[in-house]
Amino acid sequence: MEVKNSIGTSGFSPYAVNGFIIRQPLTANNAGNCTWGYAYKYGKQFFIKRFLTPKFPDPDADMYESLRVRMVEQCEEWYSTHSRVYKAILECGGSNIVNPLDFFKDKNTYYLVTEKIGSCGVSFMDIFKKSDEQKQIILKILAYEISRLAEKNVVHSDLKPENLILKETVGGFFTVKIIDFDASFLEDEPPEPDDMTGDQVYFSPEMLLYMAEEEATVTPKSDVFALGVLFHIILCGKHPGYSEGYDCLGQAVLNGDEPQISDEIDKSSRELIRDMLCADPEKRPDAFEVFRRLGGKSPEVAERTSVKKSSEKSGSRVTSSGLVINMKKSNGGK
């Protein structure tokens, strides 16, 4: 695709990758192994992420052939592994999961494209100030969508406020979109312990054990532990407490410390969060059990009331099950 050469004062010139036009420099702000920004295609704006590693070696690169072959194999394995995760995410059909739209290599660099999701401007840490009804809606959405991922054996592995985008819906309610699956993996294909990434504030005990190369299996119930921390934040604006001397809640719980659940939270929710923060994943409820305990509907009913993916400008409302329904009328395809 031809791109007009319009170099700005910064010296940046727009360029195209796989048909997506990048008009401004990508940024490394709040990024890990990537830079990110926005790209345009079909007259629409998308979110685009450029991975810093791995880098596919050039055919004429000045290196030993054995090294080039090894680098190619590593790149192809990385791409294949991520592709399987993204395929499983797409198969979840979650209406509040921001799905990968395109995943490709341009020259020697890999890119990921998703829908652009704009925030409503409300901080995740301020949800506790909203009505009880609104907070329950957010809890149900999170539990349900994580249960959909679990059905496909996907472990998000990096659930935290920064990866949850609040969106305002018709009627002044809020829904939440789950983003950033860079650290995600399939339960039977976990990364090597050294390659496990995320924020230790939300790490489950079994994830900490696995990263320390102890005997442990990380399943979708690890995400339930992270949800327990997030639920506590949603309901009272604070993290669960734990005794001094530990680096994070997961470490404290792993060593037998009881999580300190705020009395500002109602009794039923305190019991649920305590169960979600159980050190033993076998005794921890799965995400759909959490959804059910929140009053969510059965899978069949929830599926009927779940929403198909809507565009950023689509109007929506929230059902009693806490799922979002697209309410935007057809405009004749314009």
C-alpha atoms as a PDB file:
ATOM      1  CA  MET A   1       0.000   0.000   0.000  1.00  0.00           C
ATOM      2  CA  GLU A   2       1.320   3.434  -0.969  1.00  0.00           C
ATOM      3  CA  VAL A   3       1.711   5.920   1.857  1.00  0.00           C
ATOM      4  CA  LYS A   4       2.167   9.620   1.167  1.00  0.00           C
ATOM      5  CA  ASN A   5       5.476  10.924   2.447  1.00  0.00           C
ATOM      6  CA  SER A   6       4.385  13.621   4.905  1.00  0.00           C
ATOM      7  CA  ILE A   7       7.279  13.996   7.311  1.00  0.00           C
ATOM      8  CA  GLY A   8       6.302  16.099  10.314  1.00  0.00           C
ATOM      9  CA  THR A   9       8.414  18.367  12.448  1.00  0.00           C
ATOM     10  CA  SER A  10       9.544  15.368  14.472  1.00  0.00           C
ATOM     11  CA  GLY A  11      10.991  13.747  11.376  1.00  0.00           C
ATOM     12  CA  PHE A  12       8.492  10.880  11.495  1.00  0.00           C
ATOM     13  CA  SER A  13       7.100   9.595   8.215  1.00  0.00           C
ATOM     14  CA  PRO A  14       3.877   7.472   8.134  1.00  0.00           C
ATOM     15  CA  TYR A  15       4.375   3.896   7.021  1.00  0.00           C
ATOM     16  CA  ALA A  16       2.331   0.777   6.333  1.00  0.00           C
ATOM     17  CA  VAL A  17       2.538  -2.731   7.803  1.00  0.00           C
ATOM     18  CA  ASN A  18       0.253  -5.393   6.387  1.00  0.00           C
ATOM     19  CA  GLY A  19      -2.086  -2.706   5.086  1.00  0.00           C
ATOM     20  CA  PHE A  20      -2.298  -0.822   8.400  1.00  0.00           C
ATOM     21  CA  ILE A  21      -1.130   2.798   8.207  1.00  0.00           C
ATOM     22  CA  ILE A  22       0.822   4.060  11.208  1.00  0.00           C
ATOM     23  CA  ARG A  23       0.655   7.853  11.218  1.00  0.00           C
ATOM     24  CA  GLN A  24       2.425   8.625  14.496  1.00  0.00           C
ATOM     25  CA  PRO A  25       5.422   7.113  16.296  1.00  0.00           C
ATOM     26  CA  LEU A  26       4.624   4.150  18.511  1.00  0.00           C
ATOM     27  CA  THR A  27       5.268   4.639  22.208  1.00  0.00           C
ATOM     28  CA  ALA A  28       6.914   2.514  24.886  1.00  0.00           C
ATOM     29  CA  ASN A  29       4.913   4.112  27.720  1.00  0.00           C
ATOM     30  CA  ASN A  30       3.501   1.490  30.119  1.00  0.00           C
ATOM     31  CA  ALA A  31       4.733  -1.218  27.761  1.00  0.00           C
ATOM     32  CA  GLY A  32       6.730  -4.352  28.342  1.00  0.00           C
ATOM     33  CA  ASN A  33       8.120  -6.227  25.375  1.00  0.00           C
ATOM     34  CA  CYS A  34       6.549  -3.895  22.840  1.00  0.00           C
ATOM     35  CA  THR A  35       5.769  -0.423  21.585  1.00  0.00           C
ATOM     36  CA  TRP A  36       2.196   0.513  20.814  1.00  0.00           C
ATOM     37  CA  GLY A  37      -0.035   3.082  19.173  1.00  0.00           C
ATOM     38  CA  TYR A  38      -2.782   3.372  16.602  1.00  0.00           C
ATOM     39  CA  ALA A  39      -3.088   2.386  12.970  1.00  0.00           C
ATOM     40  CA  TYR A  40      -5.653   2.939  10.239  1.00  0.00           C
ATOM     41  CA  LYS A  41      -7.242   0.576   7.756  1.00  0.00           C
ATOM     42  CA  TYR A  42     -10.580   0.588   5.901  1.00  0.00           C
ATOM     43  CA  GLY A  43     -11.139   4.098   7.252  1.00  0.00           C
ATOM     44  CA  LYS A  44     -11.107   2.829  10.853  1.00  0.00           C
ATOM     45  CA  GLN A  45      -8.646   3.289  13.697  1.00  0.00           C
ATOM     46  CA  PHE A  46      -7.137   0.233  15.406  1.00  0.00           C
ATOM     47  CA  PHE A  47      -4.813  -0.430  18.323  1.00  0.00           C
ATOM     48  CA  ILE A  48      -1.478  -1.851  17.153  1.00  0.00           C
ATOM     49  CA  LYS A  49       1.383  -3.362  19.109  1.00  0.00           C
ATOM     50  CA  ARG A  50       4.903  -3.968  17.782  1.00  0.00           C
ATOM     51  CA  PHE A  51       6.825  -6.652  19.653  1.00  0.00           C
ATOM     52  CA  LEU A  52      10.458  -5.866  20.406  1.00  0.00           C
ATOM     53  CA  THR A  53      11.375  -9.544  20.513  1.00  0.00           C
ATOM     54  CA  PRO A  54      11.744 -11.979  18.936  1.00  0.00           C
ATOM     55  CA  LYS A  55      13.296 -10.620  15.766  1.00  0.00           C
ATOM     56  CA  PHE A  56      13.215 -12.761  12.640  1.00  0.00           C
ATOM     57  CA  PRO A  57      16.725 -12.885  11.167  1.00  0.00           C
ATOM     58  CA  ASP A  58      17.311 -11.433   7.724  1.00  0.00           C
ATOM     59  CA  PRO A  59      18.213 -14.054   5.093  1.00  0.00           C
ATOM     60  CA  ASP A  60      21.468 -12.247   4.365  1.00  0.00           C
ATOM     61  CA  ALA A  61      22.283 -11.460   8.012  1.00  0.00           C
ATOM     62  CA  ASP A  62      25.975 -11.715   8.877  1.00  0.00           C
ATOM     63  CA  MET A  63      25.820 -14.692  11.244  1.00  0.00           C
ATOM     64  CA  TYR A  64      26.529 -18.389  11.350  1.00  0.00           C
ATOM     65  CA  GLU A  65      23.910 -20.396   9.495  1.00  0.00           C
ATOM     66  CA  SER A  66      23.342 -22.573  12.555  1.00  0.00           C
ATOM     67  CA  LEU A  67      22.513 -19.457  14.610  1.00  0.00           C
ATOM     68  CA  ARG A  68      20.177 -18.144  11.906  1.00  0.00           C
ATOM     69  CA  VAL A  69      18.349 -21.484  11.772  1.00  0.00           C
ATOM     70  CA  ARG A  70      18.000 -21.538  15.538  1.00  0.00           C
ATOM     71  CA  MET A  71      16.615 -17.980  15.564  1.00  0.00           C
ATOM     72  CA  VAL A  72      14.110 -18.862  12.843  1.00  0.00           C
ATOM     73  CA  GLU A  73      12.949 -21.888  14.828  1.00  0.00           C
ATOM     74  CA  GLN A  74      12.552 -19.789  17.980  1.00  0.00           C
ATOM     75  CA  CYS A  75      10.546 -17.150  16.098  1.00  0.00           C
ATOM     76  CA  GLU A  76       8.304 -19.716  14.482  1.00  0.00           C
ATOM     77  CA  GLU A  77       7.704 -21.445  17.812  1.00  0.00           C
ATOM     78  CA  TRP A  78       6.908 -18.108  19.499  1.00  0.00           C
ATOM     79  CA  TYR A  79       4.507 -17.164  16.710  1.00  0.00           C
ATOM     80  CA  SER A  80       2.824 -20.570  16.706  1.00  0.00           C
ATOM     81  CA  THR A  81       2.375 -20.576  20.491  1.00  0.00           C
ATOM     82  CA  HIS A  82       0.839 -17.097  20.524  1.00  0.00           C
ATOM     83  CA  SER A  83      -1.350 -17.941  17.541  1.00  0.00           C
ATOM     84  CA  ARG A  84      -2.854 -20.899  19.408  1.00  0.00           C
ATOM     85  CA  VAL A  85      -3.612 -18.668  22.398  1.00  0.00           C
ATOM     86  CA  TYR A  86      -5.203 -15.989  20.209  1.00  0.00           C
ATOM     87  CA  LYS A  87      -7.254 -18.610  18.363  1.00  0.00           C
ATOM     88  CA  ALA A  88      -8.560 -19.964  21.692  1.00  0.00           C
ATOM     89  CA  ILE A  89      -9.436 -16.433  22.820  1.00  0.00           C
ATOM     90  CA  LEU A  90     -11.403 -15.855  19.626  1.00  0.00           C
ATOM     91  CA  GLU A  91     -13.267 -19.114  20.167  1.00  0.00           C
ATOM     92  CA  CYS A  92     -14.361 -17.924  23.638  1.00  0.00           C
ATOM     93  CA  GLY A  93     -16.785 -15.499  22.071  1.00  0.00           C
ATOM     94  CA  GLY A  94     -16.598 -13.228  25.098  1.00  0.00           C
ATOM     95  CA  SER A  95     -18.337  -9.921  24.395  1.00  0.00           C
ATOM     96  CA  ASN A  96     -16.129  -8.015  26.818  1.00  0.00           C
ATOM     97  CA  ILE A  97     -12.847  -9.601  25.761  1.00  0.00           C
ATOM     98  CA  VAL A  98     -10.853  -7.452  23.342  1.00  0.00           C
ATOM     99  CA  ASN A  99      -9.963 -10.032  20.731  1.00  0.00           C
ATOM    100  CA  PRO A 100      -6.885 -10.091  18.501  1.00  0.00           C
ATOM    101  CA  LEU A 101      -7.869  -9.076  14.966  1.00  0.00           C
ATOM    102  CA  ASP A 102      -4.584  -9.592  13.157  1.00  0.00           C
ATOM    103  CA  PHE A 103      -1.250 -11.115  14.141  1.00  0.00           C
ATOM    104  CA  PHE A 104       1.485 -10.996  11.555  1.00  0.00           C
ATOM    105  CA  LYS A 105       5.163 -10.547  10.720  1.00  0.00           C
ATOM    106  CA  ASP A 106       6.319  -7.600   8.667  1.00  0.00           C
ATOM    107  CA  LYS A 107       9.939  -7.977   7.567  1.00  0.00           C
ATOM    108  CA  ASN A 108      11.629  -9.172  10.782  1.00  0.00           C
ATOM    109  CA  THR A 109       9.130  -7.765  13.317  1.00  0.00           C
ATOM    110  CA  TYR A 110       5.858  -9.149  14.730  1.00  0.00           C
ATOM    111  CA  TYR A 111       2.704  -7.071  15.187  1.00  0.00           C
ATOM    112  CA  LEU A 112      -0.656  -7.541  16.892  1.00  0.00           C
ATOM    113  CA  VAL A 113      -3.788  -5.569  16.009  1.00  0.00           C
ATOM    114  CA  THR A 114      -6.945  -5.280  18.121  1.00  0.00           C
ATOM    115  CA  GLU A 115      -9.997  -3.084  18.259  1.00  0.00           C
ATOM    116  CA  LYS A 116      -9.300   0.345  19.732  1.00  0.00           C
ATOM    117  CA  ILE A 117     -11.113   0.675  23.063  1.00  0.00           C
ATOM    118  CA  GLY A 118     -11.408   4.145  24.532  1.00  0.00           C
ATOM    119  CA  SER A 119     -11.690   4.579  28.280  1.00  0.00           C
ATOM    120  CA  CYS A 120     -14.610   6.467  29.823  1.00  0.00           C
ATOM    121  CA  GLY A 121     -12.190   8.336  32.052  1.00  0.00           C
ATOM    122  CA  VAL A 122     -13.313   6.712  35.318  1.00  0.00           C
ATOM    123  CA  SER A 123     -10.462   5.188  37.311  1.00  0.00           C
ATOM    124  CA  PHE A 124     -10.738   1.506  38.155  1.00  0.00           C
ATOM    125  CA  MET A 125      -9.757   2.416  41.709  1.00  0.00           C
ATOM    126  CA  ASP A 126     -12.869   4.609  41.972  1.00  0.00           C
ATOM    127  CA  ILE A 127     -15.454   1.957  41.072  1.00  0.00           C
ATOM    128  CA  PHE A 128     -16.116   1.388  44.773  1.00  0.00           C
ATOM    129  CA  LYS A 129     -17.762   4.830  44.855  1.00  0.00           C
ATOM    130  CA  LYS A 130     -20.433   3.675  42.404  1.00  0.00           C
ATOM    131  CA  SER A 131     -23.754   2.073  43.326  1.00  0.00           C
ATOM    132  CA  ASP A 132     -23.944  -1.494  44.625  1.00  0.00           C
ATOM    133  CA  GLU A 133     -25.818  -2.432  41.457  1.00  0.00           C
ATOM    134  CA  GLN A 134     -23.053  -1.054  39.260  1.00  0.00           C
ATOM    135  CA  LYS A 135     -20.349  -2.827  41.255  1.00  0.00           C
ATOM    136  CA  GLN A 136     -22.196  -6.139  40.999  1.00  0.00           C
ATOM    137  CA  ILE A 137     -22.442  -5.701  37.236  1.00  0.00           C
ATOM    138  CA  ILE A 138     -18.667  -5.251  36.962  1.00  0.00           C
ATOM    139  CA  LEU A 139     -18.043  -8.295  39.193  1.00  0.00           C
ATOM    140  CA  LYS A 140     -20.343 -10.468  37.095  1.00  0.00           C
ATOM    141  CA  ILE A 141     -18.818  -9.356  33.814  1.00  0.00           C
ATOM    142  CA  LEU A 142     -15.308 -10.151  35.001  1.00  0.00           C
ATOM    143  CA  ALA A 143     -16.255 -13.530  36.449  1.00  0.00           C
ATOM    144  CA  TYR A 144     -18.220 -14.532  33.366  1.00  0.00           C
ATOM    145  CA  GLU A 145     -15.582 -13.495  30.833  1.00  0.00           C
ATOM    146  CA  ILE A 146     -12.796 -15.231  32.747  1.00  0.00           C
ATOM    147  CA  SER A 147     -15.000 -18.331  32.869  1.00  0.00           C
ATOM    148  CA  ARG A 148     -15.249 -18.179  29.071  1.00  0.00           C
ATOM    149  CA  LEU A 149     -11.472 -18.075  28.808  1.00  0.00           C
ATOM    150  CA  ALA A 150     -11.220 -20.982  31.252  1.00  0.00           C
ATOM    151  CA  GLU A 151     -13.513 -23.073  29.045  1.00  0.00           C
ATOM    152  CA  LYS A 152     -10.802 -22.873  26.387  1.00  0.00           C
ATOM    153  CA  ASN A 153      -8.034 -23.475  28.986  1.00  0.00           C
ATOM    154  CA  VAL A 154      -6.717 -19.935  28.574  1.00  0.00           C
ATOM    155  CA  VAL A 155      -4.882 -18.405  31.536  1.00  0.00           C
ATOM    156  CA  HIS A 156      -4.839 -14.619  31.182  1.00  0.00           C
ATOM    157  CA  SER A 157      -2.015 -14.445  33.733  1.00  0.00           C
ATOM    158  CA  ASP A 158      -1.887 -10.637  33.957  1.00  0.00           C
ATOM    159  CA  LEU A 159      -5.238  -9.470  35.299  1.00  0.00           C
ATOM    160  CA  LYS A 160      -4.831  -6.039  36.880  1.00  0.00           C
ATOM    161  CA  PRO A 161      -6.557  -2.630  36.703  1.00  0.00           C
ATOM    162  CA  GLU A 162      -4.312  -1.493  33.841  1.00  0.00           C
ATOM    163  CA  ASN A 163      -5.661  -4.340  31.695  1.00  0.00           C
ATOM    164  CA  LEU A 164      -9.315  -3.604  32.437  1.00  0.00           C
ATOM    165  CA  ILE A 165     -10.878  -0.711  30.521  1.00  0.00           C
ATOM    166  CA  LEU A 166     -14.125   0.797  31.785  1.00  0.00           C
ATOM    167  CA  LYS A 167     -16.697   1.744  29.141  1.00  0.00           C
ATOM    168  CA  GLU A 168     -19.865   3.742  29.745  1.00  0.00           C
ATOM    169  CA  THR A 169     -23.072   2.199  28.421  1.00  0.00           C
ATOM    170  CA  VAL A 170     -26.536   3.525  27.645  1.00  0.00           C
ATOM    171  CA  GLY A 171     -28.222   4.497  30.880  1.00  0.00           C
ATOM    172  CA  GLY A 172     -25.049   5.649  32.613  1.00  0.00           C
ATOM    173  CA  PHE A 173     -23.857   2.182  33.641  1.00  0.00           C
ATOM    174  CA  PHE A 174     -20.357   0.869  33.086  1.00  0.00           C
ATOM    175  CA  THR A 175     -19.030  -2.277  31.531  1.00  0.00           C
ATOM    176  CA  VAL A 176     -15.435  -3.469  31.518  1.00  0.00           C
ATOM    177  CA  LYS A 177     -13.246  -4.712  28.676  1.00  0.00           C
ATOM    178  CA  ILE A 178     -10.416  -7.183  29.269  1.00  0.00           C
ATOM    179  CA  ILE A 179      -7.289  -6.413  27.254  1.00  0.00           C
ATOM    180  CA  ASP A 180      -3.625  -7.413  26.860  1.00  0.00           C
ATOM    181  CA  PHE A 181      -3.112 -11.139  26.430  1.00  0.00           C
ATOM    182  CA  ASP A 182       0.659 -10.912  25.907  1.00  0.00           C
ATOM    183  CA  ALA A 183       1.326 -12.951  29.058  1.00  0.00           C
ATOM    184  CA  SER A 184      -1.503 -15.414  28.408  1.00  0.00           C
ATOM    185  CA  PHE A 185      -1.013 -19.099  27.742  1.00  0.00           C
ATOM    186  CA  LEU A 186      -2.889 -22.351  27.393  1.00  0.00           C
ATOM    187  CA  GLU A 187      -3.023 -24.436  30.546  1.00  0.00           C
ATOM    188  CA  ASP A 188      -1.182 -27.349  28.945  1.00  0.00           C
ATOM    189  CA  GLU A 189       1.405 -25.053  27.306  1.00  0.00           C
ATOM    190  CA  PRO A 190       2.756 -22.866  30.110  1.00  0.00           C
ATOM    191  CA  PRO A 191       5.836 -20.757  29.396  1.00  0.00           C
ATOM    192  CA  GLU A 192       9.133 -21.545  31.051  1.00  0.00           C
ATOM    193  CA  PRO A 193       9.321 -20.208  34.631  1.00  0.00           C
ATOM    194  CA  ASP A 194      11.741 -17.466  33.571  1.00  0.00           C
ATOM    195  CA  ASP A 195       9.355 -16.386  30.813  1.00  0.00           C
ATOM    196  CA  MET A 196       6.286 -16.013  33.051  1.00  0.00           C
ATOM    197  CA  THR A 197       5.376 -12.329  33.235  1.00  0.00           C
ATOM    198  CA  GLY A 198       2.837 -10.145  34.984  1.00  0.00           C
ATOM    199  CA  ASP A 199       2.406  -8.113  38.167  1.00  0.00           C
ATOM    200  CA  GLN A 200       3.284 -10.006  41.339  1.00  0.00           C
ATOM    201  CA  VAL A 201       0.648  -8.030  43.280  1.00  0.00           C
ATOM    202  CA  TYR A 202      -1.927 -10.271  41.574  1.00  0.00           C
ATOM    203  CA  PHE A 203       0.111 -13.485  41.321  1.00  0.00           C
ATOM    204  CA  SER A 204      -1.463 -16.613  42.759  1.00  0.00           C
ATOM    205  CA  PRO A 205       0.527 -18.806  45.185  1.00  0.00           C
ATOM    206  CA  GLU A 206       0.897 -21.526  42.549  1.00  0.00           C
ATOM    207  CA  MET A 207       2.259 -19.016  40.031  1.00  0.00           C
ATOM    208  CA  LEU A 208       4.895 -17.917  42.512  1.00  0.00           C
ATOM    209  CA  LEU A 209       5.839 -21.552  43.117  1.00  0.00           C
ATOM    210  CA  TYR A 210       6.037 -22.248  39.388  1.00  0.00           C
ATOM    211  CA  MET A 211       8.233 -19.199  38.809  1.00  0.00           C
ATOM    212  CA  ALA A 212      10.521 -20.437  41.584  1.00  0.00           C
ATOM    213  CA  GLU A 213      10.730 -23.764  39.701  1.00  0.00           C
ATOM    214  CA  GLU A 214       8.904 -25.595  42.463  1.00  0.00           C
ATOM    215  CA  GLU A 215       6.362 -28.312  41.694  1.00  0.00           C
ATOM    216  CA  ALA A 216       3.178 -26.449  40.748  1.00  0.00           C
ATOM    217  CA  THR A 217       0.619 -26.243  37.955  1.00  0.00           C
ATOM    218  CA  VAL A 218      -0.813 -22.915  36.853  1.00  0.00           C
ATOM    219  CA  THR A 219      -4.424 -23.246  35.695  1.00  0.00           C
ATOM    220  CA  PRO A 220      -7.249 -20.770  34.995  1.00  0.00           C
ATOM    221  CA  LYS A 221      -7.878 -20.800  38.754  1.00  0.00           C
ATOM    222  CA  SER A 222      -4.778 -18.631  39.018  1.00  0.00           C
ATOM    223  CA  ASP A 223      -6.855 -15.909  37.359  1.00  0.00           C
ATOM    224  CA  VAL A 224      -9.530 -16.425  40.022  1.00  0.00           C
ATOM    225  CA  PHE A 225      -6.970 -15.482  42.678  1.00  0.00           C
ATOM    226  CA  ALA A 226      -6.221 -12.271  40.762  1.00  0.00           C
ATOM    227  CA  LEU A 227      -9.965 -11.663  40.478  1.00  0.00           C
ATOM    228  CA  GLY A 228     -10.222 -11.967  44.258  1.00  0.00           C
ATOM    229  CA  VAL A 229      -7.791  -9.073  44.627  1.00  0.00           C
ATOM    230  CA  LEU A 230      -9.657  -7.070  41.967  1.00  0.00           C
ATOM    231  CA  PHE A 231     -13.042  -7.777  43.579  1.00  0.00           C
ATOM    232  CA  HIS A 232     -11.714  -6.379  46.853  1.00  0.00           C
ATOM    233  CA  ILE A 233     -10.598  -3.209  45.051  1.00  0.00           C
ATOM    234  CA  ILE A 234     -13.952  -2.862  43.288  1.00  0.00           C
ATOM    235  CA  LEU A 235     -15.912  -3.205  46.509  1.00  0.00           C
ATOM    236  CA  CYS A 236     -13.872  -0.978  48.825  1.00  0.00           C
ATOM    237  CA  GLY A 237     -11.146   0.745  46.802  1.00  0.00           C
ATOM    238  CA  LYS A 238      -8.276  -1.042  48.562  1.00  0.00           C
ATOM    239  CA  HIS A 239      -6.155  -4.160  48.162  1.00  0.00           C
ATOM    240  CA  PRO A 240      -6.624  -7.026  50.619  1.00  0.00           C
ATOM    241  CA  GLY A 241      -4.204  -6.728  53.524  1.00  0.00           C
ATOM    242  CA  TYR A 242      -1.582  -9.213  54.709  1.00  0.00           C
ATOM    243  CA  SER A 243       1.080  -9.415  57.398  1.00  0.00           C
ATOM    244  CA  GLU A 244       4.355  -7.537  57.159  1.00  0.00           C
ATOM    245  CA  GLY A 245       7.416  -9.319  55.855  1.00  0.00           C
ATOM    246  CA  TYR A 246       5.951 -10.512  52.551  1.00  0.00           C
ATOM    247  CA  ASP A 247       6.391  -9.052  49.078  1.00  0.00           C
ATOM    248  CA  CYS A 248       2.831  -9.717  47.933  1.00  0.00           C
ATOM    249  CA  LEU A 249      -0.452 -11.306  48.943  1.00  0.00           C
ATOM    250  CA  GLY A 250       0.243 -14.546  47.070  1.00  0.00           C
ATOM    251  CA  GLN A 251       3.458 -15.035  48.999  1.00  0.00           C
ATOM    252  CA  ALA A 252       1.720 -14.317  52.314  1.00  0.00           C
ATOM    253  CA  VAL A 253      -1.107 -16.757  51.595  1.00  0.00           C
ATOM    254  CA  LEU A 254       1.378 -19.382  50.427  1.00  0.00           C
ATOM    255  CA  ASN A 255       3.028 -19.180  53.847  1.00  0.00           C
ATOM    256  CA  GLY A 256      -0.241 -19.639  55.732  1.00  0.00           C
ATOM    257  CA  ASP A 257      -1.105 -15.989  56.288  1.00  0.00           C
ATOM    258  CA  GLU A 258      -4.820 -15.201  56.169  1.00  0.00           C
ATOM    259  CA  PRO A 259      -5.785 -12.427  53.728  1.00  0.00           C
ATOM    260  CA  GLN A 260      -7.200  -9.417  55.537  1.00  0.00           C
ATOM    261  CA  ILE A 261     -10.611  -8.708  53.986  1.00  0.00           C
ATOM    262  CA  SER A 262     -12.032  -5.266  54.691  1.00  0.00           C
ATOM    263  CA  ASP A 263     -15.079  -4.982  56.972  1.00  0.00           C
ATOM    264  CA  GLU A 264     -16.365  -2.360  54.529  1.00  0.00           C
ATOM    265  CA  ILE A 265     -17.356  -5.264  52.279  1.00  0.00           C
ATOM    266  CA  ASP A 266     -20.603  -7.128  52.944  1.00  0.00           C
ATOM    267  CA  LYS A 267     -20.400 -10.557  54.563  1.00  0.00           C
ATOM    268  CA  SER A 268     -21.390 -12.593  51.482  1.00  0.00           C
ATOM    269  CA  SER A 269     -18.799 -10.860  49.312  1.00  0.00           C
ATOM    270  CA  ARG A 270     -16.138 -11.219  52.016  1.00  0.00           C
ATOM    271  CA  GLU A 271     -16.732 -14.975  52.092  1.00  0.00           C
ATOM    272  CA  LEU A 272     -16.543 -15.176  48.305  1.00  0.00           C
ATOM    273  CA  ILE A 273     -13.293 -13.189  48.147  1.00  0.00           C
ATOM    274  CA  ARG A 274     -11.777 -15.286  50.926  1.00  0.00           C
ATOM    275  CA  ASP A 275     -12.561 -18.440  48.932  1.00  0.00           C
ATOM    276  CA  MET A 276     -11.101 -16.880  45.769  1.00  0.00           C
ATOM    277  CA  LEU A 277      -7.887 -16.121  47.665  1.00  0.00           C
ATOM    278  CA  CYS A 278      -7.499 -19.663  48.964  1.00  0.00           C
ATOM    279  CA  ALA A 279      -3.893 -20.866  48.818  1.00  0.00           C
ATOM    280  CA  ASP A 280      -4.945 -24.263  47.462  1.00  0.00           C
ATOM    281  CA  PRO A 281      -6.247 -23.920  43.880  1.00  0.00           C
ATOM    282  CA  GLU A 282      -8.112 -27.211  44.282  1.00  0.00           C
ATOM    283  CA  LYS A 283     -10.259 -25.590  46.994  1.00  0.00           C
ATOM    284  CA  ARG A 284     -10.586 -22.295  45.129  1.00  0.00           C
ATOM    285  CA  PRO A 285     -13.822 -21.851  43.126  1.00  0.00           C
ATOM    286  CA  ASP A 286     -13.517 -21.672  39.367  1.00  0.00           C
ATOM    287  CA  ALA A 287     -14.605 -18.525  37.552  1.00  0.00           C
ATOM    288  CA  PHE A 288     -18.049 -19.807  36.626  1.00  0.00           C
ATOM    289  CA  GLU A 289     -18.719 -20.843  40.218  1.00  0.00           C
ATOM    290  CA  VAL A 290     -17.822 -17.269  41.194  1.00  0.00           C
ATOM    291  CA  PHE A 291     -20.248 -16.005  38.545  1.00  0.00           C
ATOM    292  CA  ARG A 292     -22.969 -18.306  39.881  1.00  0.00           C
ATOM    293  CA  ARG A 293     -22.390 -17.197  43.481  1.00  0.00           C
ATOM    294  CA  LEU A 294     -22.790 -13.616  42.320  1.00  0.00           C
ATOM    295  CA  GLY A 295     -26.256 -14.529  41.096  1.00  0.00           C
ATOM    296  CA  GLY A 296     -25.283 -15.073  37.469  1.00  0.00           C
ATOM    297  CA  LYS A 297     -27.521 -17.142  35.243  1.00  0.00           C
ATOM    298  CA  SER A 298     -26.868 -20.654  33.948  1.00  0.00           C
ATOM    299  CA  PRO A 299     -24.494 -21.001  30.962  1.00  0.00           C
ATOM    300  CA  GLU A 300     -27.398 -21.452  28.538  1.00  0.00           C
ATOM    301  CA  VAL A 301     -29.240 -18.335  29.669  1.00  0.00           C
ATOM    302  CA  ALA A 302     -26.048 -16.320  29.964  1.00  0.00           C
ATOM    303  CA  GLU A 303     -25.132 -17.329  26.423  1.00  0.00           C
ATOM    304  CA  ARG A 304     -28.476 -16.090  25.106  1.00  0.00           C
ATOM    305  CA  THR A 305     -28.099 -12.757  26.881  1.00  0.00           C
ATOM    306  CA  SER A 306     -24.454 -12.292  26.012  1.00  0.00           C
ATOM    307  CA  VAL A 307     -23.555  -9.690  23.483  1.00  0.00           C
ATOM    308  CA  LYS A 308     -21.863  -9.994  20.139  1.00  0.00           C
ATOM    309  CA  LYS A 309     -18.839  -7.771  19.760  1.00  0.00           C
ATOM    310  CA  SER A 310     -19.893  -4.176  19.102  1.00  0.00           C
ATOM    311  CA  SER A 311     -17.867  -1.308  17.719  1.00  0.00           C
ATOM    312  CA  GLU A 312     -16.587   1.426  19.947  1.00  0.00           C
ATOM    313  CA  LYS A 313     -19.475   3.703  19.007  1.00  0.00           C
ATOM    314  CA  SER A 314     -22.213   1.125  19.583  1.00  0.00           C
ATOM    315  CA  GLY A 315     -24.827   1.904  22.177  1.00  0.00           C
ATOM    316  CA  SER A 316     -25.405  -0.792  24.787  1.00  0.00           C
ATOM    317  CA  ARG A 317     -27.269  -1.646  27.939  1.00  0.00           C
ATOM    318  CA  VAL A 318     -26.541  -4.031  30.779  1.00  0.00           C
ATOM    319  CA  THR A 319     -28.793  -6.991  31.514  1.00  0.00           C
ATOM    320  CA  SER A 320     -29.620  -8.366  34.939  1.00  0.00           C
ATOM    321  CA  SER A 321     -26.967 -11.028  34.419  1.00  0.00           C
ATOM    322  CA  GLY A 322     -24.324  -8.337  34.115  1.00  0.00           C
ATOM    323  CA  LEU A 323     -23.684  -8.848  30.393  1.00  0.00           C
ATOM    324  CA  VAL A 324     -23.790  -6.145  27.759  1.00  0.00           C
ATOM    325  CA  ILE A 325     -26.329  -6.080  24.931  1.00  0.00           C
ATOM    326  CA  ASN A 326     -25.665  -4.128  21.741  1.00  0.00           C
ATOM    327  CA  MET A 327     -28.493  -1.655  21.219  1.00  0.00           C
ATOM    328  CA  LYS A 328     -27.236   0.246  18.169  1.00  0.00           C
ATOM    329  CA  LYS A 329     -29.626   0.118  15.219  1.00  0.00           C
ATOM    330  CA  SER A 330     -28.414  -0.701  11.747  1.00  0.00           C
ATOM    331  CA  ASN A 331     -27.394   2.323   9.659  1.00  0.00           C
ATOM    332  CA  GLY A 332     -27.501   0.517   6.362  1.00  0.00           C
ATOM    333  CA  GLY A 333     -23.819  -0.347   6.461  1.00  0.00           C
ATOM    334  CA  LYS A 334     -22.643   3.255   6.313  1.00  0.00           C
END
